[in-house]
Structures are given as C-alpha cells and as structure tokens.
C-alpha cells in the first residue's frame, strides 16, 4: 500500500490497484491550479485485487484519522470498501447504500462521508457521445458486460433516463453478482422487465448475446478486464451489431476489448468510445466532493483540456 506523506502537508488519496500508472498523477496538480485547491498532492493507496476486509478497514481508518488527508477517490475496490468498512462512515448517500459501493470518501468537519458518484459520472459520460433521443428513435438495446460497481451504476443511470432503452441486459460470470444487482434494482424501484440478468460463464456465452443484439445497440465493457487485469469479456471472433456504439470503460491498460472493437470499426460501422471522458467526469466529480466545490460545464471543459495535454 502506497501511503508516503510528508509532515504538515495536506493531500488527497487515490485508492486503486496500480495508481501510479494513472494519468491523474500528472493531471491532478494541473487541476489543483485551475480549481484553486489547497493542495497539489495526490497520494496512491494501492491494494491487491484480493485484499482482505482488514486492509480496507485500516485504509479507511487512516483516511479518517489523518488530519492532513482530505479524502479519496476509490476505483476497482468500491464495493469491497463498502462491504468491509461502511460502518466506519458517519454519512452514506442513497446511491452508496443502494449500490453497496463507495467511490468518494470526503470529510465534513469531524464526520466521514461516503458517496457513490458513478451513477452521476457514467450518465455524464454517456451523454457526451450518445444523442439524447437515441433509444426512442432507434429502439436500440444495451448489453452491459459486468455487474460490478460500474455496470451497476450504468444500469441505474439508464433506468433513470427519460430516453430509456427498450431492454438492458447485464452479464456476470456468477449468480451472486446478478442477485445483488437484482436487489439493487428492486430497492430502486426500477421498471419491471427493463433489466435482464444473464450469467455468462464463458466469453463465448457473452459473444452470443452481443451478436444477437439489435442493430445500433450499446455494448459496454464494465468488467475491468483490460485495465488492472489483461483480457476481454469477449473472444476475438465476436461479431458486434451493425452500427453499434461500443463503449470501453477503461482508457489505460492492455485494452483488449477496445482493440476488438477497433478491428471491426469500419466493416461494422461501429462508434467506438474509450473511457477517457468517463475518467474526466469520475475524477472531477470526486474532487468537487472532497473539496466541496461546484462544477459548471465550462469548468469541466477546462479540466478536460488540461488533462488532454497530460494524457
């Protein structure tokens, strides 16, 4: 776990697996200048994918008890932080409780706050590339590969859209994640029949769903594969629907899913989108939460331009 600090210096944290590889390490000081933050220091807290509950609790306690630690963004470990340490928080927002995840850790005086920002940030990123009336005018469906934190957030956001798709299919390799997701949607009051929950033990099972999706459908890699771990939820011989939007949530790593889509981009007339804008929205929303800022669309674009220079 990377936790090096210097005395009497405030800093923000980044909880992940390979935080040193993230572009945010170069971007954060630039954003600090634009936003007038009280610190330009971002410290990575690296935890393995198989970290135990005691490691998550120790990290949350460290953030809580260190007066110089202003708060943190959590990626990859969002659901595990909630499962292991939600009782350490004084405040949890409704998204955090319903989705059982924490992506933003902030301090409000002596109180520790946990929020799940993904339903907001994934919707902002979706609106950056998908026309507002896309589903109503095309009848397209959505296949979300992965029922973890990001997949759950996207399914939540789609259910809230005025322009909701006809059907959303969410996949996972085991029934436990699908059962959890089904319960999240039940608590949320998601329209009956909107979400289908499909177990896909193999990449071939997932590929069959993708190949059968209607023309113009949105296909999303929300598994995390291709970032912290190599691989794709689909085999190389997958056939994407004609005119589909193919969204890779990752922007760094081996990005096998993105390369699979790029290989068919011209032939299948695909709209291929990587995770860069999701990264921008995800980080800017958490920074605003930690430092209690209001972000306007204009400020977000300033941050995006600064990040592009450091990409």
Protein backbone atom coordinates (compact mmCIF):
# COMPACT_ATOMS: atom_id res chain seq x y z
CA UNK A 1 0.00 0.00 0.00
CA UNK A 2 1.50 3.36 -1.02
CA UNK A 3 0.94 5.88 1.77
CA UNK A 4 4.09 8.02 1.87
CA UNK A 5 3.44 11.57 3.08
CA UNK A 6 5.42 14.45 4.49
CA UNK A 7 4.57 16.14 7.80
CA UNK A 8 2.11 19.05 7.81
CA UNK A 9 1.22 18.66 4.13
CA UNK A 10 -2.38 18.15 3.09
CA UNK A 11 -3.08 15.68 0.32
CA UNK A 12 -5.83 13.75 -1.45
CA UNK A 13 -5.81 9.97 -1.80
CA UNK A 14 -6.43 7.58 -4.69
CA UNK A 15 -7.43 4.03 -3.76
CA UNK A 16 -6.76 1.54 -6.57
CA UNK A 17 -4.60 -1.32 -7.77
CA UNK A 18 -1.94 0.34 -9.96
CA UNK A 19 -2.48 4.02 -9.16
CA UNK A 20 0.98 5.07 -10.31
CA UNK A 21 0.03 4.22 -13.91
CA UNK A 22 -2.96 6.54 -13.96
CA UNK A 23 -2.89 9.80 -15.89
CA UNK A 24 -4.42 11.52 -12.87
CA UNK A 25 -0.99 11.61 -11.23
CA UNK A 26 0.07 14.16 -13.85
CA UNK A 27 -3.34 15.76 -14.20
CA UNK A 28 -4.19 16.43 -10.55
CA UNK A 29 -1.63 19.23 -10.00
CA UNK A 30 -2.92 20.97 -13.14
CA UNK A 31 -6.49 20.70 -11.91
CA UNK A 32 -5.45 21.93 -8.46
CA UNK A 33 -4.19 25.14 -10.07
CA UNK A 34 -7.35 25.62 -12.14
CA UNK A 35 -9.66 24.96 -9.19
CA UNK A 36 -7.54 26.73 -6.56
CA UNK A 37 -7.30 23.64 -4.37
CA UNK A 38 -5.41 23.81 -1.07
CA UNK A 39 -3.07 21.02 -2.18
CA UNK A 40 -1.45 19.78 -5.41
CA UNK A 41 -0.54 16.42 -3.84
CA UNK A 42 -2.24 13.16 -4.78
CA UNK A 43 -1.09 10.00 -2.97
CA UNK A 44 -1.82 6.49 -4.26
CA UNK A 45 -3.09 3.76 -1.95
CA UNK A 46 -2.52 0.50 -3.85
CA UNK A 47 -4.35 -2.60 -2.68
CA UNK A 48 -4.30 -6.01 -4.39
CA UNK A 49 -7.42 -7.33 -6.10
CA UNK A 50 -7.72 -9.96 -3.36
CA UNK A 51 -7.28 -7.56 -0.42
CA UNK A 52 -8.95 -8.66 2.82
CA UNK A 53 -11.53 -6.73 4.86
CA UNK A 54 -8.93 -5.76 7.44
CA UNK A 55 -6.89 -3.96 4.77
CA UNK A 56 -9.90 -1.92 3.66
CA UNK A 57 -10.78 -1.03 7.23
CA UNK A 58 -7.22 0.02 8.01
CA UNK A 59 -7.14 2.28 4.98
CA UNK A 60 -10.47 3.95 5.78
CA UNK A 61 -9.31 4.47 9.37
CA UNK A 62 -6.09 6.02 8.09
CA UNK A 63 -8.03 8.46 5.90
CA UNK A 64 -10.38 9.26 8.77
CA UNK A 65 -7.70 9.78 11.41
CA UNK A 66 -5.01 11.64 9.44
CA UNK A 67 -5.83 15.37 9.71
CA UNK A 68 -3.83 16.07 6.54
CA UNK A 69 -5.73 13.52 4.44
CA UNK A 70 -8.54 15.43 2.72
CA UNK A 71 -10.36 12.43 1.23
CA UNK A 72 -10.03 9.96 -1.62
CA UNK A 73 -11.36 8.58 -4.87
CA UNK A 74 -11.91 4.81 -4.84
CA UNK A 75 -11.70 2.76 -8.02
CA UNK A 76 -11.83 -1.03 -8.50
CA UNK A 77 -12.34 -1.53 -4.74
CA UNK A 78 -15.61 0.46 -4.44
CA UNK A 79 -17.84 -2.46 -3.47
CA UNK A 80 -15.23 -4.05 -1.21
CA UNK A 81 -14.72 -0.78 0.71
CA UNK A 82 -18.44 -0.64 1.35
CA UNK A 83 -18.66 -4.29 2.36
CA UNK A 84 -15.71 -4.13 4.75
CA UNK A 85 -15.91 -0.62 6.17
CA UNK A 86 -19.30 1.06 5.63
CA UNK A 87 -19.85 1.14 9.40
CA UNK A 88 -16.85 3.47 9.76
CA UNK A 89 -18.66 6.24 7.86
CA UNK A 90 -20.88 8.82 9.56
CA UNK A 91 -22.74 9.61 6.34
CA UNK A 92 -23.57 7.49 3.29
CA UNK A 93 -25.58 8.82 0.36
CA UNK A 94 -28.56 6.88 -1.05
CA UNK A 95 -26.55 5.70 -4.08
CA UNK A 96 -23.86 4.26 -1.79
CA UNK A 97 -26.42 2.36 0.29
CA UNK A 98 -28.49 1.12 -2.66
CA UNK A 99 -25.49 0.15 -4.82
CA UNK A 100 -23.37 -1.06 -1.87
CA UNK A 101 -20.33 0.85 -3.05
CA UNK A 102 -18.26 3.89 -2.12
CA UNK A 103 -16.32 5.79 -4.77
CA UNK A 104 -15.80 9.10 -2.94
CA UNK A 105 -14.50 9.49 0.62
CA UNK A 106 -14.74 13.02 1.99
CA UNK A 107 -14.57 14.77 5.34
CA UNK A 108 -17.16 17.19 6.66
CA UNK A 109 -15.61 18.53 9.83
CA UNK A 110 -15.24 15.52 12.10
CA UNK A 111 -17.66 13.43 10.04
CA UNK A 112 -16.56 10.92 7.40
CA UNK A 113 -18.74 10.88 4.29
CA UNK A 114 -19.03 8.11 1.70
CA UNK A 115 -20.71 8.58 -1.66
CA UNK A 116 -21.26 6.56 -4.81
CA UNK A 117 -20.64 9.00 -7.65
CA UNK A 118 -20.69 6.50 -10.52
CA UNK A 119 -24.41 6.77 -11.39
CA UNK A 120 -23.86 10.50 -11.97
CA UNK A 121 -20.50 10.32 -13.71
CA UNK A 122 -21.41 7.44 -16.02
CA UNK A 123 -24.52 9.34 -17.15
CA UNK A 124 -22.45 12.47 -17.85
CA UNK A 125 -20.00 10.41 -19.90
CA UNK A 126 -22.84 8.66 -21.78
CA UNK A 127 -24.42 11.98 -22.69
CA UNK A 128 -21.12 13.17 -24.13
CA UNK A 129 -21.41 10.76 -27.08
CA UNK A 130 -24.97 9.39 -27.27
CA UNK A 131 -27.76 11.56 -28.73
CA UNK A 132 -30.41 12.49 -26.15
CA UNK A 133 -33.22 10.73 -28.04
CA UNK A 134 -31.13 7.81 -29.30
CA UNK A 135 -33.10 4.92 -27.82
CA UNK A 136 -36.50 6.40 -28.63
CA UNK A 137 -35.58 6.91 -32.28
CA UNK A 138 -33.70 3.64 -32.86
CA UNK A 139 -35.20 1.05 -30.50
CA UNK A 140 -31.66 0.00 -29.65
CA UNK A 141 -30.89 -2.13 -26.62
CA UNK A 142 -27.96 -2.17 -24.18
CA UNK A 143 -25.65 -5.00 -23.16
CA UNK A 144 -23.52 -4.29 -20.10
CA UNK A 145 -20.74 -6.84 -19.71
CA UNK A 146 -20.04 -6.88 -15.98
CA UNK A 147 -22.28 -6.48 -12.91
CA UNK A 148 -19.75 -4.81 -10.61
CA UNK A 149 -19.77 -1.19 -9.46
CA UNK A 150 -19.55 0.47 -12.89
CA UNK A 151 -22.03 -1.90 -14.52
CA UNK A 152 -24.47 -1.38 -11.67
CA UNK A 153 -24.09 2.39 -11.97
CA UNK A 154 -24.76 2.37 -15.72
CA UNK A 155 -27.84 0.19 -15.35
CA UNK A 156 -29.10 2.59 -12.66
CA UNK A 157 -28.45 5.62 -14.87
CA UNK A 158 -30.18 4.03 -17.88
CA UNK A 159 -33.25 3.25 -15.79
CA UNK A 160 -33.42 6.93 -14.81
CA UNK A 161 -33.15 8.29 -18.35
CA UNK A 162 -36.15 9.97 -19.95
CA UNK A 163 -34.95 8.20 -23.11
CA UNK A 164 -34.63 4.73 -21.61
CA UNK A 165 -33.69 1.76 -23.83
CA UNK A 166 -36.23 -0.96 -24.60
CA UNK A 167 -34.12 -3.52 -22.74
CA UNK A 168 -30.88 -3.63 -20.76
CA UNK A 169 -29.01 -6.91 -20.36
CA UNK A 170 -26.37 -7.16 -17.64
CA UNK A 171 -24.00 -10.12 -17.54
CA UNK A 172 -21.79 -11.68 -14.89
CA UNK A 173 -19.86 -14.91 -14.54
CA UNK A 174 -21.56 -15.89 -11.29
CA UNK A 175 -25.07 -15.71 -9.89
CA UNK A 176 -24.10 -13.85 -6.70
CA UNK A 177 -23.32 -10.60 -8.51
CA UNK A 178 -26.52 -10.84 -10.52
CA UNK A 179 -28.55 -11.48 -7.38
CA UNK A 180 -27.01 -8.41 -5.76
CA UNK A 181 -27.76 -6.31 -8.83
CA UNK A 182 -31.36 -7.56 -8.96
CA UNK A 183 -31.78 -6.49 -5.32
CA UNK A 184 -30.31 -3.03 -6.08
CA UNK A 185 -32.87 -2.55 -8.82
CA UNK A 186 -35.69 -3.85 -6.62
CA UNK A 187 -34.84 -1.31 -3.93
CA UNK A 188 -34.51 1.42 -6.53
CA UNK A 189 -37.92 0.66 -7.97
CA UNK A 190 -36.59 0.01 -11.47
CA UNK A 191 -39.33 -0.70 -14.00
CA UNK A 192 -40.16 -4.40 -14.13
CA UNK A 193 -38.86 -6.05 -17.28
CA UNK A 194 -36.32 -3.36 -18.18
CA UNK A 195 -33.29 -5.31 -16.91
CA UNK A 196 -32.34 -8.86 -17.86
CA UNK A 197 -29.75 -10.64 -15.72
CA UNK A 198 -27.72 -13.22 -17.62
CA UNK A 199 -24.93 -15.46 -16.31
CA UNK A 200 -22.15 -15.85 -18.89
CA UNK A 201 -19.65 -18.46 -17.65
CA UNK A 202 -17.55 -18.17 -20.82
CA UNK A 203 -16.56 -15.49 -23.31
CA UNK A 204 -18.47 -17.46 -25.94
CA UNK A 205 -21.68 -17.06 -23.93
CA UNK A 206 -21.15 -13.30 -23.80
CA UNK A 207 -20.31 -13.19 -27.52
CA UNK A 208 -23.59 -14.92 -28.40
CA UNK A 209 -25.54 -12.20 -26.57
CA UNK A 210 -23.60 -9.45 -28.32
CA UNK A 211 -24.03 -11.00 -31.77
CA UNK A 212 -27.79 -11.30 -31.24
CA UNK A 213 -28.24 -7.70 -30.09
CA UNK A 214 -30.25 -5.41 -32.40
CA UNK A 215 -28.60 -3.05 -34.85
CA UNK A 216 -27.27 0.09 -33.19
CA UNK A 217 -27.17 -1.38 -29.68
CA UNK A 218 -24.84 -0.08 -26.98
CA UNK A 219 -22.25 -2.70 -25.93
CA UNK A 220 -20.24 -1.87 -22.81
CA UNK A 221 -17.19 -3.40 -21.15
CA UNK A 222 -17.77 -2.80 -17.44
CA UNK A 223 -15.77 -5.84 -16.30
CA UNK A 224 -12.47 -4.10 -15.56
CA UNK A 225 -10.71 -6.58 -17.85
CA UNK A 226 -8.10 -4.81 -19.96
CA UNK A 227 -7.12 -2.41 -17.17
CA UNK A 228 -5.86 -3.90 -13.91
CA UNK A 229 -6.01 -7.40 -15.38
CA UNK A 230 -5.38 -8.32 -19.02
CA UNK A 231 -8.16 -9.78 -21.12
CA UNK A 232 -11.59 -9.10 -22.57
CA UNK A 233 -15.07 -10.37 -21.71
CA UNK A 234 -15.40 -11.30 -25.40
CA UNK A 235 -13.41 -13.58 -27.74
CA UNK A 236 -11.58 -12.13 -30.74
CA UNK A 237 -14.10 -13.63 -33.17
CA UNK A 238 -17.07 -11.81 -31.61
CA UNK A 239 -19.37 -10.08 -34.10
CA UNK A 240 -20.60 -6.67 -32.94
CA UNK A 241 -24.04 -5.49 -34.13
CA UNK A 242 -24.02 -3.25 -37.18
CA UNK A 243 -23.87 0.48 -36.28
CA UNK A 244 -23.38 -0.34 -32.60
CA UNK A 245 -21.93 2.00 -30.01
CA UNK A 246 -19.10 0.08 -28.34
CA UNK A 247 -18.00 1.64 -25.06
CA UNK A 248 -14.80 0.57 -23.30
CA UNK A 249 -14.94 1.94 -19.74
CA UNK A 250 -11.13 1.77 -19.49
CA UNK A 251 -8.73 4.28 -21.01
CA UNK A 252 -5.45 2.64 -19.95
CA UNK A 253 -4.10 -0.88 -19.76
CA UNK A 254 -3.98 -3.64 -22.34
CA UNK A 255 -7.48 -2.67 -23.61
CA UNK A 256 -8.21 -5.90 -25.47
CA UNK A 257 -11.94 -5.10 -25.73
CA UNK A 258 -11.19 -1.72 -27.30
CA UNK A 259 -8.86 -3.33 -29.83
CA UNK A 260 -11.51 -5.92 -30.71
CA UNK A 261 -13.97 -3.12 -31.47
CA UNK A 262 -11.42 -1.09 -33.42
CA UNK A 263 -10.74 -4.11 -35.63
CA UNK A 264 -14.40 -4.13 -36.73
CA UNK A 265 -14.97 -0.36 -36.66
CA UNK A 266 -15.03 0.22 -40.42
CA UNK A 267 -16.64 -3.04 -41.53
CA UNK A 268 -19.47 -2.93 -38.96
CA UNK A 269 -19.74 0.90 -38.91
CA UNK A 270 -19.16 0.96 -35.16
CA UNK A 271 -18.98 4.03 -32.95
CA UNK A 272 -16.08 3.12 -30.65
CA UNK A 273 -15.66 5.10 -27.42
CA UNK A 274 -12.92 4.68 -24.81
CA UNK A 275 -13.09 5.58 -21.13
CA UNK A 276 -11.32 8.93 -21.23
CA UNK A 277 -14.39 11.14 -20.71
CA UNK A 278 -15.63 8.74 -18.02
CA UNK A 279 -12.26 9.23 -16.35
CA UNK A 280 -12.63 13.04 -16.59
CA UNK A 281 -16.13 13.08 -15.13
CA UNK A 282 -15.34 10.48 -12.50
CA UNK A 283 -12.36 12.35 -11.14
CA UNK A 284 -13.79 15.86 -11.41
CA UNK A 285 -16.95 14.86 -9.53
CA UNK A 286 -14.97 13.29 -6.68
CA UNK A 287 -12.52 16.19 -6.46
CA UNK A 288 -15.52 18.52 -6.22
CA UNK A 289 -16.99 16.35 -3.46
CA UNK A 290 -13.77 16.14 -1.46
CA UNK A 291 -13.08 19.89 -1.63
CA UNK A 292 -16.76 20.99 -1.57
CA UNK A 293 -16.78 22.70 -4.97
CA UNK A 294 -19.50 23.40 -7.54
CA UNK A 295 -18.56 22.41 -11.10
CA UNK A 296 -20.06 24.10 -14.13
CA UNK A 297 -19.89 22.55 -17.63
CA UNK A 298 -17.39 25.28 -18.55
CA UNK A 299 -15.07 24.36 -15.69
CA UNK A 300 -15.31 20.67 -16.59
CA UNK A 301 -14.21 21.51 -20.14
CA UNK A 302 -11.24 23.47 -18.76
CA UNK A 303 -10.28 20.43 -16.72
CA UNK A 304 -10.70 18.17 -19.76
CA UNK A 305 -8.43 20.40 -21.88
CA UNK A 306 -5.77 20.43 -19.18
CA UNK A 307 -5.98 16.64 -18.84
CA UNK A 308 -5.64 16.14 -22.60
CA UNK A 309 -2.27 17.86 -22.51
CA UNK A 310 -1.04 15.38 -19.90
CA UNK A 311 -2.64 12.28 -21.42
